[in-house]
Amino acid sequence: MLAYLIRRLFAVVVMLLVVTLTTFAIFFVIPKWAGADPALLFVGKQADPAAIEGIRQKLSLGDPVLVQFWHFVQGLFVGRDYANGTDVTHCPAPCFGYSFRTEQAVWPQLTDAMPVTLSLAAGACLLWLVGGITTGVVSALRRGTLWDRSAMTVALAGVSLPIYFTGLLSLAIFSYSLKWVNVDYKGLGDDPAMWFESLILPWITLAFLYAAMYARLTRATMLEIMGEDYIRTARAKGLRERVVIGRHAMRSTWTPVLTLLGLDLGALLGGAVLTETTYNLPGLGRLAVNAITEKDLPVILGVTLIAAIFIVVANLVVDLLYAVIDPRVRLG
């Protein structure tokens, strides 16, 4: 198990390094090849040449690409100084640079938005796992019944309907018309009750989409597993049905569910763009949308790297859970 963990950690470090290099190249190298100047994006089109050159020197845009990348990586771990003559600005670690629009450090903006996205993803994940897996298991055990057909019809609707449709519909009905829910976001530390109330609709909307996918996946996996020889053997031994389902069938069902969960949860932690935009939640997704609209490259780069880190770490956790659930993974 220790050797497996070391191999996975080494792979994660390499993957994060490759992702960082690729992302940095996309945002700061490729635009130069296309004729765009990051310094011009920082100071604006009306700036004089001296100001543009000063920003170019301060951001080290004239250095070779590998030197720029080294300064960027160094800033993530130990901080970085942006110098133009006697004008020196220190960016403490982890330094993702400064916003082209607000000229504020990117990292505090990310940390302000991160709790919102974490709250949204965690609550929705809990709902869709409980609802989706339970629905899928019951549908598989009652194949062909009214419950099965009704549940799969609702699941098909959940997969087909986009979030911005179900989100706006839920806002129109439960917030604007019935006034049952207030969706004005408040932080957990400011007002826990208001925090919970403001996230009810986003949780349900997001969970409805993912629970539908997990219900269909769980049902299909369970139907396949229930026909396996080891399930028939367990029943032939006289084991209770709940033991056969809970201990044997469900253990195999978790493998594809965990695979999908690692991808979905990692992506959501990087920002649920449509949900946060629909409900006006100040999370990473909305921060990314605003940065893209304003062509704020450092903020876009920061959100992209954070999203990549979440995805890689989530998949690492899933790989470790594989080893716990299925000993063959450790032996392999």
Protein backbone atom coordinates (compact mmCIF):
# COMPACT_ATOMS: atom_id res chain seq x y z
CA MET A 1 0.00 0.00 0.00
CA LEU A 2 2.87 2.38 0.81
CA ALA A 3 4.54 1.73 -2.54
CA TYR A 4 1.22 2.31 -4.30
CA LEU A 5 0.75 5.60 -2.44
CA ILE A 6 4.26 6.76 -3.33
CA ARG A 7 3.69 5.97 -7.01
CA ARG A 8 0.43 7.88 -7.05
CA LEU A 9 1.91 10.90 -5.25
CA PHE A 10 4.80 11.02 -7.70
CA ALA A 11 2.35 10.88 -10.60
CA VAL A 12 0.32 13.71 -9.04
CA VAL A 13 3.40 15.94 -8.69
CA VAL A 14 4.36 15.34 -12.33
CA MET A 15 0.80 15.95 -13.49
CA LEU A 16 0.54 19.23 -11.56
CA LEU A 17 3.86 20.40 -13.01
CA VAL A 18 2.70 19.60 -16.55
CA VAL A 19 -0.67 21.29 -15.96
CA THR A 20 1.04 24.40 -14.55
CA LEU A 21 3.43 24.63 -17.50
CA THR A 22 0.65 24.08 -20.05
CA THR A 23 -1.67 26.59 -18.41
CA PHE A 24 1.07 29.20 -18.15
CA ALA A 25 1.92 28.73 -21.83
CA ILE A 26 -1.72 29.05 -22.87
CA PHE A 27 -2.20 32.33 -21.06
CA PHE A 28 1.16 34.06 -21.48
CA VAL A 29 2.97 32.49 -24.44
CA ILE A 30 0.32 31.71 -27.04
CA PRO A 31 -1.21 35.25 -26.85
CA LYS A 32 2.22 36.65 -27.79
CA TRP A 33 2.33 34.40 -30.85
CA ALA A 34 -1.12 35.69 -31.78
CA GLY A 35 0.07 39.30 -31.54
CA ALA A 36 -1.51 40.15 -28.16
CA ASP A 37 0.53 41.92 -25.51
CA PRO A 38 -0.23 41.08 -21.84
CA ALA A 39 1.31 44.41 -20.82
CA LEU A 40 -1.21 46.21 -23.02
CA LEU A 41 -4.05 44.25 -21.40
CA PHE A 42 -2.77 45.37 -18.00
CA VAL A 43 -2.45 49.10 -18.64
CA GLY A 44 -5.21 49.54 -21.25
CA LYS A 45 -5.17 50.63 -24.87
CA GLN A 46 -4.89 54.35 -24.08
CA ALA A 47 -1.62 54.05 -22.14
CA ASP A 48 1.55 55.68 -23.42
CA PRO A 49 4.51 53.52 -24.59
CA ALA A 50 6.56 54.34 -21.48
CA ALA A 51 3.85 52.93 -19.18
CA ILE A 52 3.54 49.80 -21.33
CA GLU A 53 7.30 49.26 -21.25
CA GLY A 54 7.35 49.81 -17.47
CA ILE A 55 4.70 47.11 -16.96
CA ARG A 56 6.55 44.79 -19.33
CA GLN A 57 9.68 45.15 -17.20
CA LYS A 58 7.80 44.84 -13.92
CA LEU A 59 6.10 41.60 -15.01
CA SER A 60 9.33 40.31 -16.61
CA LEU A 61 7.52 39.82 -19.91
CA GLY A 62 10.74 40.41 -21.81
CA ASP A 63 12.52 37.45 -20.20
CA PRO A 64 12.74 34.06 -21.93
CA VAL A 65 9.66 31.86 -21.50
CA LEU A 66 11.35 29.35 -19.20
CA VAL A 67 12.63 32.17 -16.99
CA GLN A 68 9.12 33.60 -16.75
CA PHE A 69 7.75 30.17 -15.87
CA TRP A 70 10.42 29.71 -13.20
CA HIS A 71 9.51 33.07 -11.64
CA PHE A 72 5.85 32.05 -11.67
CA VAL A 73 6.49 28.68 -9.99
CA GLN A 74 8.85 30.32 -7.50
CA GLY A 75 6.14 32.81 -6.64
CA LEU A 76 3.72 30.01 -5.83
CA PHE A 77 6.04 28.65 -3.13
CA VAL A 78 8.15 31.53 -1.77
CA GLY A 79 6.54 34.68 -3.15
CA ARG A 80 7.80 37.08 -5.78
CA ASP A 81 8.98 40.67 -6.21
CA TYR A 82 7.72 42.74 -9.13
CA ALA A 83 10.33 45.44 -9.76
CA ASN A 84 10.53 48.35 -12.18
CA GLY A 85 13.51 50.44 -11.13
CA THR A 86 12.90 51.60 -7.58
CA ASP A 87 9.24 50.57 -7.72
CA VAL A 88 9.15 47.14 -6.05
CA THR A 89 5.95 45.26 -5.21
CA HIS A 90 6.18 42.09 -3.11
CA CYS A 91 3.63 39.39 -3.71
CA PRO A 92 3.58 36.88 -0.82
CA ALA A 93 3.28 33.14 -1.45
CA PRO A 94 1.27 31.66 -2.95
CA CYS A 95 1.59 34.37 -5.59
CA PHE A 96 -0.67 34.03 -8.63
CA GLY A 97 0.09 37.57 -9.75
CA TYR A 98 -2.08 40.67 -9.76
CA SER A 99 -5.39 41.28 -11.46
CA PHE A 100 -5.15 43.30 -14.67
CA ARG A 101 -8.37 45.15 -13.76
CA THR A 102 -8.38 45.70 -9.99
CA GLU A 103 -4.56 45.48 -9.53
CA GLN A 104 -5.26 43.38 -6.44
CA ALA A 105 -3.48 40.11 -5.66
CA VAL A 106 -5.22 37.13 -7.24
CA TRP A 107 -4.80 34.71 -4.31
CA PRO A 108 -7.06 36.66 -1.87
CA GLN A 109 -9.76 36.75 -4.57
CA LEU A 110 -9.49 32.99 -4.93
CA THR A 111 -9.66 32.39 -1.17
CA ASP A 112 -12.71 34.66 -0.89
CA ALA A 113 -14.54 32.72 -3.61
CA MET A 114 -13.39 29.23 -2.59
CA PRO A 115 -15.66 28.77 0.50
CA VAL A 116 -18.73 29.49 -1.62
CA THR A 117 -17.80 26.88 -4.20
CA LEU A 118 -16.82 24.36 -1.51
CA SER A 119 -20.16 24.85 0.24
CA LEU A 120 -22.07 24.44 -3.02
CA ALA A 121 -20.15 21.35 -4.14
CA ALA A 122 -20.18 19.58 -0.77
CA GLY A 123 -23.91 20.03 -0.15
CA ALA A 124 -24.92 19.08 -3.68
CA CYS A 125 -22.57 16.07 -3.65
CA LEU A 126 -24.16 14.72 -0.47
CA LEU A 127 -27.64 15.08 -1.95
CA TRP A 128 -26.87 13.50 -5.31
CA LEU A 129 -24.96 10.57 -3.78
CA VAL A 130 -27.75 9.70 -1.35
CA GLY A 131 -30.56 10.32 -3.84
CA GLY A 132 -28.89 8.96 -6.96
CA ILE A 133 -27.40 5.76 -5.53
CA THR A 134 -30.52 4.92 -3.51
CA THR A 135 -32.75 5.45 -6.53
CA GLY A 136 -30.47 3.39 -8.76
CA VAL A 137 -30.26 0.46 -6.34
CA VAL A 138 -34.01 0.34 -5.72
CA SER A 139 -34.70 0.60 -9.45
CA ALA A 140 -32.35 -2.29 -10.17
CA LEU A 141 -33.91 -4.47 -7.50
CA ARG A 142 -37.42 -3.61 -8.77
CA ARG A 143 -36.66 -3.79 -12.44
CA GLY A 144 -39.66 -3.27 -14.70
CA THR A 145 -41.96 -1.99 -11.95
CA LEU A 146 -43.76 1.34 -11.87
CA TRP A 147 -41.08 2.69 -9.50
CA ASP A 148 -38.32 1.72 -11.92
CA ARG A 149 -39.98 3.31 -14.93
CA SER A 150 -40.96 6.46 -13.05
CA ALA A 151 -37.51 6.90 -11.51
CA MET A 152 -35.72 6.43 -14.84
CA THR A 153 -38.11 8.88 -16.52
CA VAL A 154 -37.30 11.51 -13.90
CA ALA A 155 -33.60 10.67 -14.25
CA LEU A 156 -33.80 11.13 -18.01
CA ALA A 157 -35.40 14.54 -17.45
CA GLY A 158 -32.67 15.45 -14.97
CA VAL A 159 -29.92 14.55 -17.43
CA SER A 160 -31.63 16.35 -20.32
CA LEU A 161 -32.65 19.62 -18.68
CA PRO A 162 -29.81 22.18 -18.46
CA ILE A 163 -29.00 23.77 -15.12
CA TYR A 164 -29.81 27.30 -16.27
CA PHE A 165 -33.35 26.11 -17.11
CA THR A 166 -34.05 24.26 -13.87
CA GLY A 167 -32.25 26.97 -11.90
CA LEU A 168 -34.25 29.85 -13.36
CA LEU A 169 -37.47 27.81 -13.02
CA SER A 170 -36.80 27.12 -9.35
CA LEU A 171 -36.01 30.81 -8.77
CA ALA A 172 -39.21 31.90 -10.49
CA ILE A 173 -41.38 29.50 -8.48
CA PHE A 174 -39.87 29.19 -5.01
CA SER A 175 -38.09 32.52 -4.60
CA TYR A 176 -39.90 35.14 -6.69
CA SER A 177 -43.49 33.82 -6.73
CA LEU A 178 -43.97 31.83 -3.52
CA LYS A 179 -41.17 33.63 -1.66
CA TRP A 180 -40.32 30.49 0.29
CA VAL A 181 -36.57 30.83 -0.10
CA ASN A 182 -34.22 33.81 0.03
CA VAL A 183 -31.29 33.27 -2.33
CA ASP A 184 -29.19 36.28 -1.27
CA TYR A 185 -25.97 34.56 -0.26
CA LYS A 186 -24.55 35.03 3.23
CA GLY A 187 -21.33 33.48 4.50
CA LEU A 188 -21.49 30.60 6.96
CA GLY A 189 -19.66 32.66 9.57
CA ASP A 190 -21.94 35.68 9.11
CA ASP A 191 -25.35 33.97 9.36
CA PRO A 192 -25.49 30.14 9.34
CA ALA A 193 -29.28 30.04 8.92
CA MET A 194 -29.20 32.45 5.99
CA TRP A 195 -26.24 30.57 4.49
CA PHE A 196 -28.22 27.34 4.56
CA GLU A 197 -31.37 28.95 3.14
CA SER A 198 -29.52 30.69 0.32
CA LEU A 199 -27.94 27.40 -0.82
CA ILE A 200 -31.04 25.17 -0.71
CA LEU A 201 -32.11 25.85 -4.29
CA PRO A 202 -28.57 25.70 -5.74
CA TRP A 203 -27.96 22.40 -3.92
CA ILE A 204 -31.20 20.86 -5.19
CA THR A 205 -30.72 22.16 -8.74
CA LEU A 206 -27.17 20.89 -8.99
CA ALA A 207 -27.97 17.60 -7.24
CA PHE A 208 -30.93 16.97 -9.58
CA LEU A 209 -28.63 16.89 -12.59
CA TYR A 210 -25.95 14.70 -11.03
CA ALA A 211 -28.34 12.42 -9.10
CA ALA A 212 -29.98 11.55 -12.40
CA MET A 213 -26.65 10.44 -13.87
CA TYR A 214 -25.68 8.49 -10.77
CA ALA A 215 -29.09 6.79 -10.61
CA ARG A 216 -28.77 5.56 -14.20
CA LEU A 217 -25.17 4.45 -13.67
CA THR A 218 -25.95 2.65 -10.40
CA ARG A 219 -28.98 0.90 -11.88
CA ALA A 220 -27.04 -0.34 -14.92
CA THR A 221 -24.10 -1.51 -12.77
CA MET A 222 -26.33 -3.25 -10.25
CA LEU A 223 -28.26 -5.10 -12.97
CA GLU A 224 -24.97 -6.37 -14.39
CA ILE A 225 -23.56 -7.37 -11.01
CA MET A 226 -26.71 -9.16 -9.84
CA GLY A 227 -26.22 -11.64 -12.66
CA GLU A 228 -22.64 -12.52 -11.69
CA ASP A 229 -21.68 -15.97 -10.44
CA TYR A 230 -20.45 -14.80 -7.05
CA ILE A 231 -23.84 -13.23 -6.32
CA ARG A 232 -25.59 -16.51 -7.13
CA THR A 233 -23.04 -18.32 -4.97
CA ALA A 234 -23.71 -15.96 -2.05
CA ARG A 235 -27.44 -16.60 -2.34
CA ALA A 236 -26.86 -20.35 -2.63
CA LYS A 237 -24.96 -20.25 0.67
CA GLY A 238 -28.13 -18.97 2.30
CA LEU A 239 -26.97 -15.42 3.00
CA ARG A 240 -29.68 -12.89 3.64
CA GLU A 241 -30.62 -10.71 0.70
CA ARG A 242 -29.56 -7.52 2.46
CA VAL A 243 -26.12 -9.06 3.08
CA VAL A 244 -25.83 -10.08 -0.57
CA ILE A 245 -26.79 -6.60 -1.71
CA GLY A 246 -24.97 -4.56 0.92
CA ARG A 247 -21.74 -6.50 1.31
CA HIS A 248 -21.18 -8.07 -2.10
CA ALA A 249 -23.15 -6.24 -4.81
CA MET A 250 -22.71 -2.70 -3.50
CA ARG A 251 -18.95 -3.11 -3.05
CA SER A 252 -18.56 -3.73 -6.77
CA THR A 253 -21.03 -0.96 -7.60
CA TRP A 254 -18.86 1.63 -5.86
CA THR A 255 -16.01 1.32 -8.37
CA PRO A 256 -17.67 3.11 -11.34
CA VAL A 257 -19.45 5.47 -8.96
CA LEU A 258 -16.13 6.56 -7.42
CA THR A 259 -14.63 7.04 -10.88
CA LEU A 260 -17.41 9.41 -11.87
CA LEU A 261 -17.40 11.09 -8.45
CA GLY A 262 -13.71 11.98 -8.67
CA LEU A 263 -14.21 13.73 -12.01
CA ASP A 264 -17.47 15.46 -11.09
CA LEU A 265 -16.49 16.66 -7.63
CA GLY A 266 -13.08 17.82 -8.79
CA ALA A 267 -14.63 19.80 -11.62
CA LEU A 268 -17.26 21.32 -9.34
CA LEU A 269 -14.66 22.41 -6.80
CA GLY A 270 -13.02 24.31 -9.62
CA GLY A 271 -16.22 26.30 -10.07
CA ALA A 272 -19.82 25.44 -10.87
CA VAL A 273 -20.06 28.13 -13.54
CA LEU A 274 -23.72 27.83 -14.58
CA THR A 275 -25.09 27.31 -11.06
CA GLU A 276 -23.10 30.14 -9.51
CA THR A 277 -24.03 32.48 -12.36
CA THR A 278 -27.72 31.56 -12.22
CA TYR A 279 -27.99 32.07 -8.47
CA ASN A 280 -25.50 34.95 -8.31
CA LEU A 281 -23.16 33.08 -5.96
CA PRO A 282 -19.71 34.70 -5.54
CA GLY A 283 -17.77 31.48 -6.12
CA LEU A 284 -14.89 30.44 -8.34
CA GLY A 285 -17.15 29.84 -11.33
CA ARG A 286 -18.57 33.33 -11.29
CA LEU A 287 -15.11 34.77 -10.66
CA ALA A 288 -13.87 32.97 -13.77
CA VAL A 289 -16.77 34.25 -15.88
CA ASN A 290 -16.14 37.84 -14.81
CA ALA A 291 -12.40 37.47 -15.45
CA ILE A 292 -13.02 36.06 -18.94
CA THR A 293 -15.37 38.94 -19.73
CA GLU A 294 -12.76 41.47 -18.59
CA LYS A 295 -9.80 39.59 -20.20
CA ASP A 296 -8.16 39.39 -16.78
CA LEU A 297 -5.48 36.77 -17.53
CA PRO A 298 -3.95 36.34 -14.03
CA VAL A 299 -7.36 35.64 -12.47
CA ILE A 300 -8.28 33.19 -15.23
CA LEU A 301 -4.92 31.48 -14.77
CA GLY A 302 -5.43 31.27 -11.01
CA VAL A 303 -8.93 29.75 -11.28
CA THR A 304 -7.71 27.29 -13.92
CA LEU A 305 -4.82 26.10 -11.77
CA ILE A 306 -7.01 25.78 -8.69
CA ALA A 307 -9.53 23.76 -10.71
CA ALA A 308 -6.75 21.53 -12.05
CA ILE A 309 -5.38 20.96 -8.54
CA PHE A 310 -8.83 20.00 -7.26
CA ILE A 311 -9.36 17.55 -10.12
CA VAL A 312 -5.94 15.92 -9.68
CA VAL A 313 -6.32 15.65 -5.90
CA ALA A 314 -9.86 14.29 -6.20
CA ASN A 315 -8.67 11.59 -8.59
CA LEU A 316 -5.80 10.77 -6.21
CA VAL A 317 -8.30 10.25 -3.40
CA VAL A 318 -10.42 8.07 -5.69
CA ASP A 319 -7.37 5.96 -6.60
CA LEU A 320 -6.60 5.43 -2.91
CA LEU A 321 -10.22 4.45 -2.26
CA TYR A 322 -9.95 1.96 -5.11
CA ALA A 323 -7.14 0.28 -3.21
CA VAL A 324 -9.32 0.09 -0.11
CA ILE A 325 -12.39 -1.25 -1.90
CA ASP A 326 -10.64 -3.61 -4.33
CA PRO A 327 -7.39 -5.31 -3.11
CA ARG A 328 -6.59 -6.25 -6.72
CA VAL A 329 -5.63 -2.62 -7.32
CA ARG A 330 -2.89 -2.84 -4.67
CA LEU A 331 -1.61 -6.11 -6.08
CA GLY A 332 -1.59 -4.65 -9.58
